[in-house]
């Protein structure tokens, strides 16, 4: 079983308040994820729990996560509690740092998976590069 850490930085040329407001709304995950198609279902009774439906054309997977910690305009952490194969454990810290007139967003993922580490990291690189492209088009 692979156990690892992954980090990805995205420079966003907008004020941290605007960036924070966008990323603290889980529904915006749909706007920045092109593959697989994502549908965010928010449990209105438990705002800290988020269900994500991933659509891979021929099959669908549900992913459930809990927001475990939030520090306004600094970071928030989501922890997977119902994960799709091959993931066994997932903790994702979304960190935001004001830099001049822009923001540096750092995604830090700690994971355990039933897949080789290089495969998990390759998947994460592809996912975050794709998201970065969408983020830059949204925050032009």
N, C-alpha and C. Protein backbone atom coordinates (compact mmCIF):
# COMPACT_ATOMS: atom_id res chain seq x y z
N UNK A 1 0.84 -1.18 0.00
CA UNK A 1 0.00 0.00 0.00
C UNK A 1 0.88 1.24 0.00
N UNK A 2 0.57 2.17 -0.89
CA UNK A 2 1.34 3.41 -0.99
C UNK A 2 0.87 4.40 0.07
N UNK A 3 1.82 5.13 0.61
CA UNK A 3 1.53 6.21 1.54
C UNK A 3 2.38 7.38 1.07
N UNK A 4 1.75 8.54 0.90
CA UNK A 4 2.54 9.64 0.39
C UNK A 4 1.95 11.00 0.67
N UNK A 5 2.73 11.99 0.24
CA UNK A 5 2.34 13.40 0.34
C UNK A 5 2.53 14.02 -1.03
N UNK A 6 1.67 14.97 -1.31
CA UNK A 6 1.73 15.64 -2.60
C UNK A 6 1.42 17.12 -2.35
N UNK A 7 2.12 18.00 -3.07
CA UNK A 7 1.90 19.43 -2.92
C UNK A 7 1.86 20.08 -4.30
N UNK A 8 0.93 21.01 -4.47
CA UNK A 8 0.79 21.71 -5.75
C UNK A 8 0.45 23.17 -5.47
N UNK A 9 1.20 24.09 -6.09
CA UNK A 9 0.98 25.53 -5.89
C UNK A 9 0.39 26.15 -7.14
N UNK A 10 -0.59 27.02 -6.92
CA UNK A 10 -1.22 27.76 -8.01
C UNK A 10 -1.17 29.24 -7.66
N UNK A 11 -0.65 30.04 -8.56
CA UNK A 11 -0.60 31.49 -8.37
C UNK A 11 -1.85 32.07 -9.03
N UNK A 12 -2.62 32.81 -8.24
CA UNK A 12 -3.86 33.41 -8.72
C UNK A 12 -3.72 34.92 -8.58
N UNK A 13 -3.90 35.64 -9.66
CA UNK A 13 -3.66 37.08 -9.67
C UNK A 13 -4.89 37.87 -9.22
N UNK A 14 -5.42 37.46 -8.07
CA UNK A 14 -6.56 38.16 -7.47
C UNK A 14 -6.36 38.22 -5.97
N UNK A 15 -7.07 39.16 -5.34
CA UNK A 15 -7.01 39.38 -3.90
C UNK A 15 -7.46 38.12 -3.15
N UNK A 16 -6.83 37.87 -2.01
CA UNK A 16 -7.12 36.67 -1.23
C UNK A 16 -8.59 36.58 -0.81
N UNK A 17 -9.25 37.72 -0.54
CA UNK A 17 -10.66 37.67 -0.13
C UNK A 17 -11.53 37.09 -1.24
N UNK A 18 -11.28 37.50 -2.47
CA UNK A 18 -12.04 37.00 -3.62
C UNK A 18 -11.76 35.51 -3.85
N UNK A 19 -10.49 35.14 -3.76
CA UNK A 19 -10.08 33.75 -3.94
C UNK A 19 -10.68 32.88 -2.84
N UNK A 20 -10.60 33.33 -1.59
CA UNK A 20 -11.15 32.58 -0.46
C UNK A 20 -12.65 32.36 -0.64
N UNK A 21 -13.36 33.42 -1.00
CA UNK A 21 -14.82 33.30 -1.17
C UNK A 21 -15.17 32.25 -2.21
N UNK A 22 -14.41 32.19 -3.28
CA UNK A 22 -14.65 31.21 -4.33
C UNK A 22 -14.39 29.79 -3.83
N UNK A 23 -13.23 29.57 -3.24
CA UNK A 23 -12.84 28.21 -2.85
C UNK A 23 -13.53 27.71 -1.58
N UNK A 24 -14.08 28.59 -0.78
CA UNK A 24 -14.78 28.13 0.42
C UNK A 24 -16.21 27.70 0.10
N UNK A 25 -16.61 27.82 -1.14
CA UNK A 25 -17.91 27.32 -1.58
C UNK A 25 -17.70 25.99 -2.32
N UNK A 26 -18.05 24.86 -1.70
CA UNK A 26 -17.79 23.56 -2.31
C UNK A 26 -18.39 23.37 -3.70
N UNK A 27 -19.48 24.06 -4.00
CA UNK A 27 -20.11 23.92 -5.31
C UNK A 27 -19.16 24.35 -6.43
N UNK A 28 -18.20 25.22 -6.14
CA UNK A 28 -17.27 25.68 -7.17
C UNK A 28 -16.28 24.60 -7.60
N UNK A 29 -16.21 23.50 -6.87
CA UNK A 29 -15.38 22.38 -7.30
C UNK A 29 -15.82 21.90 -8.68
N UNK A 30 -17.12 21.99 -8.95
CA UNK A 30 -17.65 21.60 -10.26
C UNK A 30 -17.09 22.48 -11.36
N UNK A 31 -16.86 23.75 -11.06
CA UNK A 31 -16.38 24.70 -12.07
C UNK A 31 -14.92 24.50 -12.43
N UNK A 32 -14.13 23.92 -11.52
CA UNK A 32 -12.70 23.80 -11.77
C UNK A 32 -12.26 22.39 -12.12
N UNK A 33 -13.19 21.43 -12.13
CA UNK A 33 -12.83 20.05 -12.42
C UNK A 33 -13.47 19.63 -13.73
N UNK A 34 -12.64 19.40 -14.75
CA UNK A 34 -13.18 19.01 -16.05
C UNK A 34 -13.25 17.49 -16.23
N UNK A 35 -12.32 16.75 -15.63
CA UNK A 35 -12.37 15.30 -15.70
C UNK A 35 -11.83 14.70 -14.42
N UNK A 36 -12.56 13.82 -13.83
CA UNK A 36 -13.89 13.39 -14.24
C UNK A 36 -14.91 14.48 -13.92
N UNK A 37 -16.07 14.40 -14.57
CA UNK A 37 -17.15 15.33 -14.28
C UNK A 37 -17.54 15.18 -12.81
N UNK A 38 -17.74 16.30 -12.14
CA UNK A 38 -18.00 16.29 -10.70
C UNK A 38 -19.35 16.95 -10.43
N UNK A 39 -20.10 16.35 -9.52
CA UNK A 39 -21.34 16.95 -9.02
C UNK A 39 -21.22 16.98 -7.51
N UNK A 40 -21.30 18.17 -6.93
CA UNK A 40 -21.19 18.32 -5.48
C UNK A 40 -22.59 18.35 -4.89
N UNK A 41 -22.79 17.50 -3.90
CA UNK A 41 -24.07 17.45 -3.20
C UNK A 41 -23.79 17.84 -1.77
N UNK A 42 -24.37 18.92 -1.35
CA UNK A 42 -24.12 19.43 0.00
C UNK A 42 -25.24 19.00 0.92
N UNK A 43 -24.89 18.43 2.02
CA UNK A 43 -25.86 18.01 3.02
C UNK A 43 -26.23 19.24 3.85
N UNK A 44 -27.45 19.73 3.66
CA UNK A 44 -27.85 20.97 4.32
C UNK A 44 -27.91 20.85 5.84
N UNK A 45 -28.11 19.63 6.33
CA UNK A 45 -28.15 19.45 7.77
C UNK A 45 -26.74 19.36 8.37
N UNK A 46 -25.78 18.97 7.56
CA UNK A 46 -24.39 18.87 8.02
C UNK A 46 -23.52 19.61 7.03
N UNK A 47 -23.40 20.91 7.18
CA UNK A 47 -22.68 21.72 6.20
C UNK A 47 -21.22 21.31 6.03
N UNK A 48 -20.64 20.68 7.02
CA UNK A 48 -19.24 20.32 6.91
C UNK A 48 -19.03 19.05 6.08
N UNK A 49 -20.10 18.33 5.72
CA UNK A 49 -19.98 17.10 4.93
C UNK A 49 -20.31 17.40 3.47
N UNK A 50 -19.47 16.90 2.58
CA UNK A 50 -19.64 17.11 1.16
C UNK A 50 -19.61 15.77 0.46
N UNK A 51 -20.59 15.52 -0.41
CA UNK A 51 -20.59 14.32 -1.23
C UNK A 51 -20.29 14.74 -2.66
N UNK A 52 -19.40 14.01 -3.29
CA UNK A 52 -19.00 14.32 -4.65
C UNK A 52 -19.29 13.10 -5.51
N UNK A 53 -20.02 13.33 -6.59
CA UNK A 53 -20.27 12.25 -7.55
C UNK A 53 -19.32 12.45 -8.72
N UNK A 54 -18.50 11.44 -8.98
CA UNK A 54 -17.55 11.48 -10.09
C UNK A 54 -18.14 10.67 -11.24
N UNK A 55 -18.20 11.29 -12.41
CA UNK A 55 -18.77 10.63 -13.57
C UNK A 55 -17.66 10.30 -14.56
N UNK A 56 -17.40 9.00 -14.74
CA UNK A 56 -16.39 8.52 -15.67
C UNK A 56 -17.02 7.94 -16.92
N UNK A 57 -18.07 8.54 -17.42
CA UNK A 57 -18.80 8.12 -18.61
C UNK A 57 -19.52 6.79 -18.41
N UNK A 58 -18.79 5.70 -18.22
CA UNK A 58 -19.42 4.38 -18.11
C UNK A 58 -19.81 4.01 -16.69
N UNK A 59 -19.21 4.67 -15.71
CA UNK A 59 -19.55 4.37 -14.32
C UNK A 59 -19.42 5.63 -13.47
N UNK A 60 -20.10 5.59 -12.33
CA UNK A 60 -20.09 6.72 -11.40
C UNK A 60 -19.62 6.25 -10.04
N UNK A 61 -18.92 7.15 -9.36
CA UNK A 61 -18.39 6.86 -8.03
C UNK A 61 -18.80 8.00 -7.10
N UNK A 62 -19.14 7.67 -5.88
CA UNK A 62 -19.44 8.69 -4.88
C UNK A 62 -18.28 8.79 -3.90
N UNK A 63 -17.90 10.02 -3.60
CA UNK A 63 -16.80 10.32 -2.69
C UNK A 63 -17.39 11.22 -1.61
N UNK A 64 -17.15 10.90 -0.38
CA UNK A 64 -17.67 11.72 0.72
C UNK A 64 -16.49 12.25 1.54
N UNK A 65 -16.58 13.53 1.90
CA UNK A 65 -15.52 14.17 2.68
C UNK A 65 -16.13 15.06 3.75
N UNK A 66 -15.35 15.29 4.78
CA UNK A 66 -15.77 16.14 5.88
C UNK A 66 -14.76 17.28 6.01
N UNK A 67 -15.27 18.50 6.12
CA UNK A 67 -14.40 19.64 6.38
C UNK A 67 -14.08 19.59 7.88
N UNK A 68 -12.81 19.33 8.20
CA UNK A 68 -12.44 19.12 9.60
C UNK A 68 -11.91 20.38 10.28
N UNK A 69 -11.45 21.34 9.49
CA UNK A 69 -10.87 22.54 10.09
C UNK A 69 -10.92 23.68 9.09
N UNK A 70 -11.23 24.88 9.60
CA UNK A 70 -11.28 26.09 8.76
C UNK A 70 -10.65 27.24 9.53
N UNK A 71 -9.76 27.94 8.87
CA UNK A 71 -9.24 29.20 9.41
C UNK A 71 -9.44 30.23 8.30
N UNK A 72 -10.35 31.17 8.53
CA UNK A 72 -10.79 32.12 7.51
C UNK A 72 -9.62 32.79 6.78
N UNK A 73 -9.68 32.73 5.46
CA UNK A 73 -8.69 33.31 4.55
C UNK A 73 -7.28 32.77 4.76
N UNK A 74 -7.16 31.61 5.39
CA UNK A 74 -5.86 30.98 5.60
C UNK A 74 -5.84 29.56 5.04
N UNK A 75 -6.72 28.69 5.56
CA UNK A 75 -6.76 27.32 5.06
C UNK A 75 -8.05 26.62 5.48
N UNK A 76 -8.34 25.53 4.78
CA UNK A 76 -9.35 24.59 5.26
C UNK A 76 -8.89 23.19 4.88
N UNK A 77 -9.36 22.21 5.66
CA UNK A 77 -8.93 20.83 5.47
C UNK A 77 -10.15 19.95 5.25
N UNK A 78 -10.09 19.13 4.19
CA UNK A 78 -11.13 18.13 4.02
C UNK A 78 -10.50 16.75 4.15
N UNK A 79 -11.25 15.88 4.79
CA UNK A 79 -10.77 14.52 5.03
C UNK A 79 -11.80 13.55 4.44
N UNK A 80 -11.33 12.65 3.57
CA UNK A 80 -12.23 11.69 2.96
C UNK A 80 -12.70 10.67 3.98
N UNK A 81 -14.00 10.41 3.99
CA UNK A 81 -14.50 9.37 4.89
C UNK A 81 -15.20 8.24 4.14
N UNK A 82 -15.42 8.42 2.86
CA UNK A 82 -15.93 7.36 1.99
C UNK A 82 -15.25 7.57 0.65
N UNK A 83 -14.20 6.81 0.41
CA UNK A 83 -13.33 7.05 -0.74
C UNK A 83 -13.46 5.97 -1.79
N UNK A 84 -13.28 6.35 -3.06
CA UNK A 84 -13.29 5.35 -4.13
C UNK A 84 -11.97 4.60 -4.19
N UNK A 85 -12.02 3.37 -4.67
CA UNK A 85 -10.81 2.59 -4.91
C UNK A 85 -9.97 3.34 -5.94
N UNK A 86 -8.69 3.47 -5.82
CA UNK A 86 -7.79 2.76 -4.94
C UNK A 86 -7.42 3.52 -3.66
N UNK A 87 -8.13 4.62 -3.37
CA UNK A 87 -7.77 5.41 -2.19
C UNK A 87 -8.24 4.75 -0.90
N UNK A 88 -7.38 4.78 0.09
CA UNK A 88 -7.67 4.23 1.41
C UNK A 88 -7.84 5.35 2.44
N UNK A 89 -7.06 6.43 2.25
CA UNK A 89 -7.07 7.57 3.17
C UNK A 89 -6.76 8.83 2.37
N UNK A 90 -7.38 9.96 2.77
CA UNK A 90 -7.21 11.22 2.04
C UNK A 90 -7.39 12.38 3.00
N UNK A 91 -6.39 13.26 3.06
CA UNK A 91 -6.52 14.51 3.81
C UNK A 91 -5.93 15.61 2.94
N UNK A 92 -6.76 16.61 2.63
CA UNK A 92 -6.40 17.66 1.68
C UNK A 92 -6.48 19.02 2.37
N UNK A 93 -5.33 19.67 2.48
CA UNK A 93 -5.26 21.01 3.03
C UNK A 93 -5.20 22.00 1.88
N UNK A 94 -6.14 22.95 1.90
CA UNK A 94 -6.19 24.02 0.90
C UNK A 94 -5.69 25.27 1.62
N UNK A 95 -4.49 25.71 1.29
CA UNK A 95 -3.88 26.83 2.01
C UNK A 95 -3.79 28.04 1.08
N UNK A 96 -4.05 29.23 1.63
CA UNK A 96 -4.07 30.47 0.85
C UNK A 96 -3.14 31.49 1.50
N UNK A 97 -2.31 32.12 0.66
CA UNK A 97 -1.36 33.11 1.15
C UNK A 97 -1.41 34.34 0.26
N UNK A 98 -1.64 35.49 0.89
CA UNK A 98 -1.66 36.74 0.15
C UNK A 98 -0.23 37.09 -0.26
N UNK A 99 -0.05 37.43 -1.52
CA UNK A 99 1.27 37.80 -2.01
C UNK A 99 1.10 39.00 -2.94
N UNK A 100 1.37 40.19 -2.43
CA UNK A 100 1.17 41.40 -3.22
C UNK A 100 -0.30 41.58 -3.53
N UNK A 101 -0.64 41.69 -4.81
CA UNK A 101 -2.05 41.82 -5.21
C UNK A 101 -2.65 40.48 -5.58
N UNK A 102 -1.91 39.41 -5.39
CA UNK A 102 -2.38 38.08 -5.75
C UNK A 102 -2.42 37.14 -4.56
N UNK A 103 -2.66 35.87 -4.88
CA UNK A 103 -2.78 34.82 -3.87
C UNK A 103 -2.05 33.58 -4.34
N UNK A 104 -1.34 32.95 -3.43
CA UNK A 104 -0.75 31.65 -3.72
C UNK A 104 -1.61 30.61 -3.00
N UNK A 105 -2.15 29.70 -3.79
CA UNK A 105 -2.94 28.62 -3.22
C UNK A 105 -2.08 27.36 -3.26
N UNK A 106 -1.93 26.72 -2.10
CA UNK A 106 -1.15 25.49 -2.01
C UNK A 106 -2.08 24.36 -1.61
N UNK A 107 -2.12 23.35 -2.44
CA UNK A 107 -2.87 22.13 -2.14
C UNK A 107 -1.89 21.11 -1.60
N UNK A 108 -2.16 20.62 -0.39
CA UNK A 108 -1.32 19.59 0.22
C UNK A 108 -2.20 18.37 0.47
N UNK A 109 -1.80 17.24 -0.10
CA UNK A 109 -2.58 16.02 0.04
C UNK A 109 -1.73 14.95 0.71
N UNK A 110 -2.27 14.37 1.76
CA UNK A 110 -1.67 13.19 2.39
C UNK A 110 -2.61 12.04 2.11
N UNK A 111 -2.07 10.93 1.63
CA UNK A 111 -2.93 9.83 1.20
C UNK A 111 -2.31 8.48 1.49
N UNK A 112 -3.16 7.48 1.46
CA UNK A 112 -2.77 6.07 1.44
C UNK A 112 -3.62 5.45 0.35
N UNK A 113 -3.03 4.57 -0.44
CA UNK A 113 -3.76 4.01 -1.57
C UNK A 113 -3.30 2.59 -1.88
N UNK A 114 -4.23 1.84 -2.47
CA UNK A 114 -3.92 0.49 -2.96
C UNK A 114 -3.43 0.60 -4.40
N UNK A 115 -2.47 1.45 -4.63
CA UNK A 115 -1.89 1.65 -5.96
C UNK A 115 -0.47 2.14 -5.76
N UNK A 116 0.40 1.92 -6.73
CA UNK A 116 1.77 2.41 -6.60
C UNK A 116 1.82 3.93 -6.44
N UNK A 117 2.75 4.40 -5.62
CA UNK A 117 2.88 5.82 -5.33
C UNK A 117 3.02 6.66 -6.59
N UNK A 118 3.81 6.21 -7.56
CA UNK A 118 4.02 7.01 -8.78
C UNK A 118 2.71 7.18 -9.54
N UNK A 119 1.84 6.18 -9.49
CA UNK A 119 0.55 6.25 -10.18
C UNK A 119 -0.38 7.26 -9.51
N UNK A 120 -0.42 7.24 -8.20
CA UNK A 120 -1.24 8.20 -7.45
C UNK A 120 -0.75 9.62 -7.72
N UNK A 121 0.55 9.83 -7.66
CA UNK A 121 1.10 11.17 -7.89
C UNK A 121 0.86 11.64 -9.32
N UNK A 122 0.94 10.74 -10.28
CA UNK A 122 0.67 11.10 -11.67
C UNK A 122 -0.79 11.55 -11.81
N UNK A 123 -1.71 10.81 -11.17
CA UNK A 123 -3.11 11.17 -11.21
C UNK A 123 -3.33 12.55 -10.58
N UNK A 124 -2.67 12.82 -9.45
CA UNK A 124 -2.81 14.11 -8.77
C UNK A 124 -2.24 15.25 -9.60
N UNK A 125 -1.09 15.02 -10.22
CA UNK A 125 -0.50 16.06 -11.09
C UNK A 125 -1.47 16.41 -12.21
N UNK A 126 -2.01 15.40 -12.87
CA UNK A 126 -2.94 15.66 -13.98
C UNK A 126 -4.18 16.40 -13.49
N UNK A 127 -4.71 16.00 -12.34
CA UNK A 127 -5.90 16.64 -11.81
C UNK A 127 -5.64 18.11 -11.46
N UNK A 128 -4.54 18.38 -10.75
CA UNK A 128 -4.28 19.75 -10.32
C UNK A 128 -3.84 20.64 -11.48
N UNK A 129 -3.14 20.12 -12.47
CA UNK A 129 -2.80 20.91 -13.65
C UNK A 129 -4.07 21.31 -14.41
N UNK A 130 -4.99 20.37 -14.53
CA UNK A 130 -6.26 20.66 -15.19
C UNK A 130 -7.04 21.71 -14.41
N UNK A 131 -7.07 21.58 -13.11
CA UNK A 131 -7.75 22.57 -12.27
C UNK A 131 -7.10 23.94 -12.38
N UNK A 132 -5.76 23.97 -12.40
CA UNK A 132 -5.05 25.24 -12.51
C UNK A 132 -5.46 25.99 -13.78
N UNK A 133 -5.59 25.27 -14.86
CA UNK A 133 -6.00 25.88 -16.13
C UNK A 133 -7.38 26.50 -16.01
N UNK A 134 -8.30 25.79 -15.39
CA UNK A 134 -9.67 26.32 -15.18
C UNK A 134 -9.66 27.51 -14.23
N UNK A 135 -8.89 27.40 -13.16
CA UNK A 135 -8.81 28.49 -12.17
C UNK A 135 -8.31 29.77 -12.84
N UNK A 136 -7.28 29.64 -13.66
CA UNK A 136 -6.72 30.83 -14.32
C UNK A 136 -7.71 31.45 -15.30
N UNK A 137 -8.56 30.62 -15.92
CA UNK A 137 -9.56 31.18 -16.82
C UNK A 137 -10.69 31.87 -16.04
N UNK A 138 -11.00 31.39 -14.85
CA UNK A 138 -12.04 32.00 -14.02
C UNK A 138 -11.53 33.32 -13.43
N UNK A 139 -10.28 33.36 -12.98
CA UNK A 139 -9.72 34.55 -12.32
C UNK A 139 -8.85 35.37 -13.28
N UNK A 140 -9.35 35.62 -14.46
CA UNK A 140 -8.59 36.44 -15.43
C UNK A 140 -8.49 37.87 -14.99
